[in-house]
Amino acid sequence: MKTFLLTIFLLVSPKILFAQPPGMPQAPSQAPIDGGIAVLSIAGAGYALKKLKSKK
């Protein structure tokens, strides 16, 4: 009896856990890509150059 209940639970639980909510989801709000990525890129390049020069 325990095996039967465990089998039923394992067959039904993914359907419950992965169920989609009713209706279509709304479009996500888009985040603008601004100068932050450029600043981080320049800082990373500067750090890499510093590390390369310190190895020599």
C-alpha atoms as a PDB file:
ATOM      1  CA  MET A   1       0.000   0.000   0.000  1.00  0.00           C
ATOM      2  CA  LYS A   2       2.874   2.377   0.805  1.00  0.00           C
ATOM      3  CA  THR A   3       4.475   1.707  -2.563  1.00  0.00           C
ATOM      4  CA  PHE A   4       1.199   2.411  -4.358  1.00  0.00           C
ATOM      5  CA  LEU A   5       0.713   5.743  -2.564  1.00  0.00           C
ATOM      6  CA  LEU A   6       4.328   6.742  -3.160  1.00  0.00           C
ATOM      7  CA  THR A   7       3.994   5.923  -6.861  1.00  0.00           C
ATOM      8  CA  ILE A   8       0.816   7.977  -7.180  1.00  0.00           C
ATOM      9  CA  PHE A   9       2.435  10.880  -5.324  1.00  0.00           C
ATOM     10  CA  LEU A  10       5.517  10.829  -7.551  1.00  0.00           C
ATOM     11  CA  LEU A  11       3.378  10.739 -10.695  1.00  0.00           C
ATOM     12  CA  VAL A  12       1.109  13.615  -9.638  1.00  0.00           C
ATOM     13  CA  SER A  13       3.569  15.953  -7.882  1.00  0.00           C
ATOM     14  CA  PRO A  14       5.403  17.221 -11.022  1.00  0.00           C
ATOM     15  CA  LYS A  15       2.066  18.255 -12.537  1.00  0.00           C
ATOM     16  CA  ILE A  16       1.288  20.297  -9.441  1.00  0.00           C
ATOM     17  CA  LEU A  17       4.767  21.758  -9.000  1.00  0.00           C
ATOM     18  CA  PHE A  18       5.258  22.818 -12.616  1.00  0.00           C
ATOM     19  CA  ALA A  19       1.708  24.012 -13.275  1.00  0.00           C
ATOM     20  CA  GLN A  20       1.423  27.324 -15.128  1.00  0.00           C
ATOM     21  CA  PRO A  21      -0.767  30.109 -13.735  1.00  0.00           C
ATOM     22  CA  PRO A  22      -3.897  30.855 -15.745  1.00  0.00           C
ATOM     23  CA  GLY A  23      -3.704  33.530 -18.424  1.00  0.00           C
ATOM     24  CA  MET A  24      -0.818  34.897 -20.439  1.00  0.00           C
ATOM     25  CA  PRO A  25       2.054  36.565 -18.571  1.00  0.00           C
ATOM     26  CA  GLN A  26       2.671  40.255 -19.135  1.00  0.00           C
ATOM     27  CA  ALA A  27       5.702  41.471 -21.017  1.00  0.00           C
ATOM     28  CA  PRO A  28       8.638  42.167 -18.698  1.00  0.00           C
ATOM     29  CA  SER A  29       9.707  45.745 -18.215  1.00  0.00           C
ATOM     30  CA  GLN A  30      12.904  46.377 -20.132  1.00  0.00           C
ATOM     31  CA  ALA A  31      15.930  47.771 -18.312  1.00  0.00           C
ATOM     32  CA  PRO A  32      17.954  50.304 -20.278  1.00  0.00           C
ATOM     33  CA  ILE A  33      21.599  49.549 -20.902  1.00  0.00           C
ATOM     34  CA  ASP A  34      23.448  52.744 -20.105  1.00  0.00           C
ATOM     35  CA  GLY A  35      27.026  53.762 -19.415  1.00  0.00           C
ATOM     36  CA  GLY A  36      27.410  51.340 -16.512  1.00  0.00           C
ATOM     37  CA  ILE A  37      28.558  48.499 -18.753  1.00  0.00           C
ATOM     38  CA  ALA A  38      31.109  50.761 -20.444  1.00  0.00           C
ATOM     39  CA  VAL A  39      32.505  51.883 -17.082  1.00  0.00           C
ATOM     40  CA  LEU A  40      32.807  48.289 -15.880  1.00  0.00           C
ATOM     41  CA  SER A  41      34.500  47.256 -19.135  1.00  0.00           C
ATOM     42  CA  ILE A  42      37.056  50.066 -18.880  1.00  0.00           C
ATOM     43  CA  ALA A  43      37.713  49.263 -15.214  1.00  0.00           C
ATOM     44  CA  GLY A  44      38.193  45.560 -16.055  1.00  0.00           C
ATOM     45  CA  ALA A  45      40.593  46.383 -18.899  1.00  0.00           C
ATOM     46  CA  GLY A  46      42.569  48.689 -16.623  1.00  0.00           C
ATOM     47  CA  TYR A  47      42.782  46.011 -13.937  1.00  0.00           C
ATOM     48  CA  ALA A  48      43.922  43.430 -16.492  1.00  0.00           C
ATOM     49  CA  LEU A  49      46.643  45.780 -17.790  1.00  0.00           C
ATOM     50  CA  LYS A  50      47.811  46.459 -14.238  1.00  0.00           C
ATOM     51  CA  LYS A  51      48.055  42.715 -13.538  1.00  0.00           C
ATOM     52  CA  LEU A  52      49.932  42.081 -16.800  1.00  0.00           C
ATOM     53  CA  LYS A  53      52.459  44.858 -16.065  1.00  0.00           C
ATOM     54  CA  SER A  54      53.030  43.622 -12.497  1.00  0.00           C
ATOM     55  CA  LYS A  55      53.944  40.138 -13.775  1.00  0.00           C
ATOM     56  CA  LYS A  56      56.814  41.510 -15.884  1.00  0.00           C
END
